[in-house]
N, C-alpha and C. Protein backbone atom coordinates (compact mmCIF):
# COMPACT_ATOMS: atom_id res chain seq x y z
N UNK A 1 77.34 0.22 -22.94
CA UNK A 1 78.22 -1.24 -22.97
C UNK A 1 79.03 -0.89 -21.61
N UNK A 2 80.38 0.05 -21.56
CA UNK A 2 81.03 -0.15 -20.44
C UNK A 2 80.67 0.27 -19.49
N UNK A 3 79.67 1.18 -19.26
CA UNK A 3 79.19 1.44 -18.35
C UNK A 3 78.63 0.04 -17.42
N UNK A 4 77.99 -0.60 -18.24
CA UNK A 4 77.19 -1.81 -17.65
C UNK A 4 78.15 -2.95 -17.30
N UNK A 5 79.61 -2.90 -17.56
CA UNK A 5 80.54 -3.40 -17.38
C UNK A 5 81.17 -3.24 -16.38
N UNK A 6 81.38 -2.12 -16.08
CA UNK A 6 82.04 -1.75 -14.80
C UNK A 6 80.80 -2.07 -13.61
N UNK A 7 79.59 -1.36 -13.64
CA UNK A 7 78.49 -1.73 -13.32
C UNK A 7 78.42 -3.13 -12.39
N UNK A 8 78.23 -3.57 -13.50
CA UNK A 8 78.39 -5.10 -13.03
C UNK A 8 79.74 -5.96 -12.42
N UNK A 9 80.89 -5.77 -12.54
CA UNK A 9 82.28 -5.95 -12.10
C UNK A 9 82.54 -5.53 -10.34
N UNK A 10 81.76 -4.05 -10.03
CA UNK A 10 82.26 -3.52 -8.77
C UNK A 10 80.90 -4.41 -8.17
N UNK A 11 79.63 -4.56 -8.70
CA UNK A 11 78.57 -5.76 -7.64
C UNK A 11 79.17 -6.89 -7.69
N UNK A 12 79.90 -7.22 -8.42
CA UNK A 12 80.37 -8.89 -8.01
C UNK A 12 81.20 -9.14 -7.33
N UNK A 13 82.46 -7.72 -7.42
CA UNK A 13 83.49 -7.35 -6.07
C UNK A 13 82.76 -7.23 -4.71
N UNK A 14 82.08 -6.46 -4.61
CA UNK A 14 81.42 -5.92 -3.44
C UNK A 14 80.87 -7.59 -2.69
N UNK A 15 79.84 -8.24 -3.79
CA UNK A 15 79.40 -9.80 -3.47
C UNK A 15 80.41 -10.61 -3.02
N UNK A 16 81.40 -10.65 -3.40
CA UNK A 16 82.61 -12.09 -3.32
C UNK A 16 83.05 -11.09 -1.65
N UNK A 17 83.34 -9.93 -1.67
CA UNK A 17 83.88 -8.98 0.00
C UNK A 17 82.66 -9.71 0.81
N UNK A 18 81.53 -9.23 0.25
CA UNK A 18 80.67 -9.23 1.47
C UNK A 18 80.23 -11.13 1.92
N UNK A 19 80.59 -11.91 0.96
CA UNK A 19 80.55 -13.35 1.33
C UNK A 19 81.48 -13.57 2.01
N UNK A 20 82.66 -13.04 1.61
CA UNK A 20 84.09 -13.32 2.74
C UNK A 20 83.86 -12.97 4.03
N UNK A 21 83.36 -11.83 4.07
CA UNK A 21 83.00 -11.13 5.34
C UNK A 21 81.38 -11.67 6.13
N UNK A 22 80.92 -12.39 5.56
CA UNK A 22 79.97 -12.77 5.94
C UNK A 22 78.74 -11.85 6.37
N UNK A 23 78.53 -10.94 5.35
CA UNK A 23 77.46 -9.51 5.10
C UNK A 23 76.29 -10.20 4.92
N UNK A 24 75.45 -9.46 5.07
CA UNK A 24 74.08 -10.08 4.40
C UNK A 24 73.81 -9.44 3.15
N UNK A 25 73.10 -9.69 2.24
CA UNK A 25 72.96 -9.83 1.10
C UNK A 25 72.66 -8.14 0.45
N UNK A 26 72.22 -7.56 1.48
CA UNK A 26 71.47 -6.39 0.93
C UNK A 26 73.24 -5.34 1.71
N UNK A 27 73.52 -5.12 2.26
CA UNK A 27 75.33 -4.52 2.26
C UNK A 27 75.99 -4.65 1.11
N UNK A 28 76.17 -5.80 0.59
CA UNK A 28 77.48 -5.65 -0.31
C UNK A 28 76.72 -5.30 -1.84
N UNK A 29 75.41 -5.45 -1.66
CA UNK A 29 74.75 -4.90 -3.06
C UNK A 29 74.51 -3.39 -3.02
N UNK A 30 74.59 -2.60 -1.74
CA UNK A 30 74.49 -1.32 -1.96
C UNK A 30 76.26 -0.95 -1.90
N UNK A 31 76.92 -1.64 -1.47
CA UNK A 31 78.62 -1.19 -1.72
C UNK A 31 79.33 -0.89 -3.50
N UNK A 32 78.53 -2.55 -3.87
CA UNK A 32 78.68 -2.15 -5.38
C UNK A 32 77.87 -1.33 -6.10
N UNK A 33 76.73 -1.08 -5.23
CA UNK A 33 76.16 0.21 -6.17
C UNK A 33 77.07 1.69 -6.04
N UNK A 34 77.66 1.89 -4.45
CA UNK A 34 78.45 3.09 -4.34
C UNK A 34 79.80 2.94 -4.83
N UNK A 35 80.18 2.09 -5.43
CA UNK A 35 82.01 1.57 -5.88
C UNK A 35 81.34 1.98 -7.40
N UNK A 36 80.09 1.49 -7.91
CA UNK A 36 80.04 1.81 -9.39
C UNK A 36 80.10 3.26 -9.42
N UNK A 37 79.56 4.11 -8.87
CA UNK A 37 79.27 5.73 -9.12
C UNK A 37 80.94 6.25 -8.82
N UNK A 38 81.06 7.08 -10.05
CA UNK A 38 82.15 7.82 -10.63
C UNK A 38 81.94 9.39 -9.72
N UNK A 39 83.37 9.60 -9.68
CA UNK A 39 82.91 11.39 -9.56
C UNK A 39 83.31 12.16 -10.85
N UNK A 40 82.46 12.29 -11.58
CA UNK A 40 82.26 12.73 -12.86
C UNK A 40 83.27 14.46 -12.71
N UNK A 41 82.49 15.10 -11.79
CA UNK A 41 82.81 16.35 -11.46
C UNK A 41 84.61 16.32 -11.37
N UNK A 42 85.27 15.53 -10.39
CA UNK A 42 86.41 15.71 -10.24
C UNK A 42 87.48 15.37 -11.33
N UNK A 43 86.81 14.14 -12.12
CA UNK A 43 87.43 13.59 -13.40
C UNK A 43 87.45 15.02 -14.94
N UNK A 44 86.13 15.44 -14.86
CA UNK A 44 86.15 17.06 -15.62
C UNK A 44 87.17 17.99 -15.05
N UNK A 45 87.28 18.24 -13.70
CA UNK A 45 88.21 19.33 -13.38
C UNK A 45 89.77 18.86 -13.68
N UNK A 46 89.83 17.41 -13.54
CA UNK A 46 91.32 17.50 -13.80
C UNK A 46 91.80 17.34 -15.17
N UNK A 47 91.02 16.67 -15.82
CA UNK A 47 90.98 17.14 -17.39
C UNK A 47 90.71 18.55 -17.81
N UNK A 48 89.90 19.17 -17.05
CA UNK A 48 90.50 20.86 -17.51
C UNK A 48 91.40 21.24 -17.31
N UNK A 49 91.94 21.15 -15.89
CA UNK A 49 93.20 21.47 -15.77
C UNK A 49 94.31 21.08 -16.59
N UNK A 50 94.36 20.03 -16.90
CA UNK A 50 95.67 19.46 -17.91
C UNK A 50 95.42 19.84 -19.52
N UNK A 51 94.16 20.96 -19.49
CA UNK A 51 94.21 21.29 -20.92
C UNK A 51 93.35 20.33 -22.07
N UNK A 52 93.08 18.86 -21.28
CA UNK A 52 92.52 18.11 -22.55
C UNK A 52 90.91 17.87 -22.15
N UNK A 53 90.30 18.73 -21.96
CA UNK A 53 88.72 18.51 -21.95
C UNK A 53 88.17 18.49 -23.12
N UNK A 54 88.73 19.06 -23.98
CA UNK A 54 87.69 19.30 -25.47
C UNK A 54 88.38 18.09 -26.22
N UNK A 55 89.11 17.28 -25.89
CA UNK A 55 89.73 16.10 -26.65
C UNK A 55 88.73 15.30 -26.96
N UNK A 56 88.71 14.37 -28.16
CA UNK A 56 87.54 13.47 -28.32
C UNK A 56 87.82 12.49 -27.21
N UNK A 57 88.85 11.97 -26.75
CA UNK A 57 88.77 10.72 -25.94
C UNK A 57 88.12 11.56 -24.82
N UNK A 58 88.37 12.40 -23.90
CA UNK A 58 88.09 13.32 -22.91
C UNK A 58 86.06 13.07 -23.15
N UNK A 59 85.47 13.78 -24.13
CA UNK A 59 84.34 14.10 -24.23
C UNK A 59 83.60 12.23 -24.12
N UNK A 60 84.59 11.27 -24.74
CA UNK A 60 83.70 10.01 -24.38
C UNK A 60 83.78 9.66 -23.17
N UNK A 61 84.84 9.86 -22.96
CA UNK A 61 84.90 9.51 -21.41
C UNK A 61 84.22 10.17 -20.61
N UNK A 62 83.63 11.28 -20.45
CA UNK A 62 82.63 12.42 -19.83
C UNK A 62 81.45 11.42 -20.25
N UNK A 63 81.50 10.94 -21.54
CA UNK A 63 80.12 10.60 -21.75
C UNK A 63 79.29 9.30 -20.88
N UNK A 64 80.18 8.54 -20.92
CA UNK A 64 80.76 7.69 -20.26
C UNK A 64 80.11 7.58 -19.20
N UNK A 65 80.83 8.39 -18.17
CA UNK A 65 80.71 8.11 -16.68
C UNK A 65 79.44 8.99 -16.67
N UNK A 66 78.72 9.86 -17.60
CA UNK A 66 77.37 10.35 -17.42
C UNK A 66 76.32 9.44 -17.02
N UNK A 67 76.66 8.49 -17.92
CA UNK A 67 75.37 7.60 -18.25
C UNK A 67 75.50 6.45 -17.27
N UNK A 68 77.09 6.38 -16.74
CA UNK A 68 77.32 5.58 -15.30
C UNK A 68 76.34 6.12 -14.20
N UNK A 69 76.72 7.25 -14.16
CA UNK A 69 76.07 7.69 -12.96
C UNK A 69 74.84 7.80 -13.03
N UNK A 70 73.91 8.19 -13.87
CA UNK A 70 72.58 7.52 -14.04
C UNK A 70 72.43 6.17 -13.85
N UNK A 71 72.73 5.64 -14.56
CA UNK A 71 72.63 3.83 -14.20
C UNK A 71 72.56 3.49 -12.64
N UNK A 72 73.46 4.21 -12.14
CA UNK A 72 73.23 3.89 -10.75
C UNK A 72 72.64 4.19 -9.63
N UNK A 73 71.84 6.08 -10.13
CA UNK A 73 71.04 6.54 -9.70
C UNK A 73 69.59 5.04 -9.60
N UNK A 74 69.23 4.93 -11.06
CA UNK A 74 68.59 3.85 -11.32
C UNK A 74 68.32 2.73 -10.54
N UNK A 75 69.86 2.52 -10.06
CA UNK A 75 70.38 0.54 -9.65
C UNK A 75 69.77 1.36 -8.49
N UNK A 76 70.17 2.09 -7.62
CA UNK A 76 70.37 2.55 -5.95
C UNK A 76 68.80 2.41 -6.15
N UNK A 77 67.93 3.05 -6.40
CA UNK A 77 66.53 3.18 -6.33
C UNK A 77 65.85 1.74 -6.07
N UNK A 78 66.00 1.16 -7.21
CA UNK A 78 65.66 -0.01 -7.51
C UNK A 78 66.13 -0.97 -6.06
N UNK A 79 67.14 -0.67 -5.94
CA UNK A 79 67.75 -1.55 -4.33
C UNK A 79 66.84 -1.00 -3.21
N UNK A 80 67.02 0.22 -3.51
CA UNK A 80 66.06 0.50 -2.36
C UNK A 80 65.22 0.40 -2.02
N UNK A 81 63.94 0.33 -3.17
CA UNK A 81 62.51 -0.13 -3.23
C UNK A 81 62.44 -1.72 -3.12
N UNK A 82 63.36 -2.28 -3.36
CA UNK A 82 63.55 -3.83 -3.22
C UNK A 82 63.77 -3.96 -1.91
N UNK A 83 64.69 -3.53 -0.95
CA UNK A 83 64.69 -3.22 0.78
C UNK A 83 63.64 -3.17 1.04
N UNK A 84 63.21 -2.02 0.74
CA UNK A 84 62.34 -1.49 2.01
C UNK A 84 60.61 -2.67 1.93
N UNK A 85 60.72 -3.18 0.52
CA UNK A 85 59.51 -3.77 0.27
C UNK A 85 59.63 -5.89 0.70
N UNK A 86 60.93 -6.01 0.60
CA UNK A 86 61.38 -7.29 0.98
C UNK A 86 61.48 -8.22 -0.45
N UNK A 87 61.31 -7.38 -1.55
CA UNK A 87 60.75 -8.34 -2.78
C UNK A 87 61.29 -7.22 -3.84
N UNK A 88 61.41 -8.07 -5.16
CA UNK A 88 61.48 -7.17 -6.34
C UNK A 88 60.39 -8.00 -7.19
N UNK A 89 59.36 -6.78 -7.32
CA UNK A 89 58.05 -7.41 -8.03
C UNK A 89 58.38 -6.20 -9.75
N UNK A 90 58.04 -7.17 -10.74
CA UNK A 90 58.08 -5.89 -11.86
C UNK A 90 57.24 -4.90 -11.99
N UNK A 91 56.10 -4.88 -11.27
CA UNK A 91 55.24 -3.57 -10.81
C UNK A 91 56.00 -2.88 -9.92
N UNK A 92 56.65 -3.20 -9.17
CA UNK A 92 56.91 -1.48 -8.46
C UNK A 92 58.34 -1.52 -9.30
N UNK A 93 58.88 -2.23 -9.90
CA UNK A 93 60.19 -1.77 -10.72
C UNK A 93 59.41 -0.78 -11.59
N UNK A 94 58.84 -1.19 -12.53
CA UNK A 94 57.89 -0.37 -13.61
C UNK A 94 57.49 0.93 -12.73
N UNK A 95 57.09 0.93 -11.58
CA UNK A 95 56.37 2.32 -11.00
C UNK A 95 57.61 3.31 -10.91
N UNK A 96 58.73 2.94 -10.11
CA UNK A 96 59.39 3.20 -10.06
C UNK A 96 60.15 4.13 -11.47
N UNK A 97 60.30 3.32 -11.79
CA UNK A 97 60.51 4.09 -13.73
C UNK A 97 60.28 4.64 -13.63
N UNK A 98 58.79 4.87 -14.05
CA UNK A 98 57.77 5.73 -14.71
C UNK A 98 57.79 7.20 -13.88
N UNK A 99 58.52 6.98 -12.37
CA UNK A 99 58.51 7.99 -11.82
C UNK A 99 59.99 8.60 -11.78
N UNK A 100 61.20 7.87 -12.20
CA UNK A 100 62.54 8.42 -12.38
C UNK A 100 62.61 8.72 -13.25
N UNK A 101 62.36 8.15 -14.57
CA UNK A 101 62.69 8.50 -15.64
C UNK A 101 62.12 10.24 -16.62
N UNK A 102 61.04 10.49 -16.06
CA UNK A 102 60.42 11.74 -15.94
C UNK A 102 61.28 13.06 -15.51
N UNK A 103 61.89 12.56 -14.06
CA UNK A 103 62.32 13.15 -13.22
C UNK A 103 63.79 13.43 -13.87
N UNK A 104 64.83 12.45 -14.34
CA UNK A 104 65.96 12.55 -14.72
C UNK A 104 66.01 13.43 -16.35
N UNK A 105 64.77 13.06 -16.91
CA UNK A 105 64.49 14.02 -17.89
C UNK A 105 64.25 15.39 -17.87
N UNK A 106 63.57 15.40 -16.92
CA UNK A 106 63.06 16.94 -16.66
C UNK A 106 64.71 17.54 -16.11
N UNK A 107 65.19 17.18 -15.22
CA UNK A 107 66.46 17.58 -14.65
C UNK A 107 67.26 17.67 -16.09
N UNK A 108 67.71 16.84 -16.69
CA UNK A 108 68.56 17.10 -17.71
C UNK A 108 68.09 18.31 -18.78
N UNK A 109 66.88 18.42 -18.92
CA UNK A 109 66.45 19.06 -20.03
C UNK A 109 66.40 20.56 -19.29
N UNK A 110 66.47 21.18 -18.18
CA UNK A 110 66.49 22.11 -16.90
C UNK A 110 68.04 22.50 -17.32
N UNK A 111 69.20 21.62 -16.85
CA UNK A 111 70.49 21.70 -17.25
C UNK A 111 70.40 22.33 -18.98
N UNK A 112 70.17 22.08 -19.61
CA UNK A 112 70.49 22.04 -21.33
C UNK A 112 70.19 23.56 -21.52
N UNK A 113 68.61 23.91 -21.03
CA UNK A 113 67.92 24.96 -21.49
C UNK A 113 67.85 26.56 -20.41
N UNK A 114 68.45 26.25 -18.92
CA UNK A 114 68.58 26.89 -17.87
C UNK A 114 69.82 27.13 -17.51
N UNK A 115 70.49 25.76 -16.71
CA UNK A 115 71.74 26.05 -16.34
C UNK A 115 72.82 26.33 -17.33
N UNK A 116 73.13 25.66 -18.11
CA UNK A 116 74.28 25.84 -19.41
C UNK A 116 74.19 27.57 -19.74
N UNK A 117 73.13 27.91 -20.41
CA UNK A 117 72.81 29.43 -20.68
C UNK A 117 73.79 30.26 -19.28
N UNK A 118 73.13 29.75 -18.27
CA UNK A 118 73.57 30.59 -17.08
C UNK A 118 74.79 30.75 -16.59
N UNK A 119 75.54 29.27 -16.83
CA UNK A 119 77.27 29.27 -16.45
C UNK A 119 77.65 29.70 -17.16
N UNK A 120 77.51 29.54 -18.58
CA UNK A 120 78.10 30.38 -19.93
C UNK A 120 78.13 32.43 -19.68
N UNK A 121 76.98 32.82 -19.38
CA UNK A 121 76.69 34.08 -18.88
C UNK A 121 78.04 34.64 -18.00
N UNK A 122 77.51 33.54 -16.92
CA UNK A 122 78.41 34.11 -15.50
C UNK A 122 79.80 33.90 -15.85
N UNK A 123 80.43 32.62 -16.68
CA UNK A 123 81.58 32.48 -16.86
C UNK A 123 82.45 33.90 -17.39
N UNK A 124 82.19 34.32 -18.39
CA UNK A 124 82.48 34.99 -19.02
C UNK A 124 83.27 36.41 -18.38
N UNK A 125 82.56 36.77 -17.40
CA UNK A 125 83.06 37.92 -16.69
C UNK A 125 84.33 37.53 -15.43
N UNK A 126 83.97 36.54 -14.92
CA UNK A 126 85.44 35.38 -14.74
C UNK A 126 86.60 35.17 -15.82
N UNK A 127 85.99 34.85 -17.06
CA UNK A 127 87.84 35.00 -17.94
C UNK A 127 87.80 36.16 -18.00
N UNK A 128 87.02 37.47 -18.20
CA UNK A 128 88.06 38.56 -18.10
C UNK A 128 88.64 39.13 -16.89
N UNK A 129 88.41 38.67 -15.64
CA UNK A 129 88.91 38.91 -14.33
C UNK A 129 89.96 38.22 -14.46
N UNK A 130 90.31 37.02 -14.47
CA UNK A 130 91.28 36.14 -14.82
C UNK A 130 92.51 36.80 -15.84
N UNK A 131 91.94 37.49 -16.66
CA UNK A 131 92.95 38.15 -17.91
C UNK A 131 94.22 38.83 -17.18
N UNK A 132 95.44 38.67 -17.56
CA UNK A 132 96.92 39.10 -17.07
C UNK A 132 96.38 40.62 -17.05
N UNK A 133 96.61 41.59 -16.41
CA UNK A 133 96.79 42.91 -16.50
C UNK A 133 97.83 43.41 -17.41
N UNK A 134 97.83 44.09 -18.63
CA UNK A 134 98.25 44.55 -19.56
C UNK A 134 98.49 46.33 -19.32
N UNK A 135 99.93 46.68 -19.21
CA UNK A 135 100.20 48.02 -19.25
C UNK A 135 100.66 48.42 -20.39
N UNK A 136 99.85 49.37 -21.22
CA UNK A 136 100.27 50.01 -22.29
C UNK A 136 101.83 50.55 -22.15
C-alpha cells in the first residue's frame, strides 16, 4: 500500500512538472517511474552502518522498498511496451506479465537458494579477518 502511494505521488508530481515544462506525455511518465525507484542497497548499507539493520522498523522499511522496486520494474516494462506499441492493450500487458512474473519469481528463488547461502559462506572469513588481533 505504501509503495503504491509513493509511486502514484511521484508519477503525479512528474506529470505536473512535465505539463509545466510542456513535455510530451512519455517523458514525465518515465521520470515518475524513475523517481519512484529507491536505492534499497544504499539504505540497507546506511542502516547496517548505524547498527539498526535488524530492528523491526528497518526490516519493514526494507520490505517496502523491495516491493516498491519490483513494482517499478513492472511499471517500467509496461510503460516501455506501451510506448513501443503506441497504445496500451490488455492482451499486451497480460503477455508482458506472463513473461515478467516467472522471471522475477525465478530471480527471487535463485537469490534465496543460491546467493544467500553463498554470501553467508563468504562473509564468515571476512568477519574473522576483521576481528582485532589479540595478543596473549
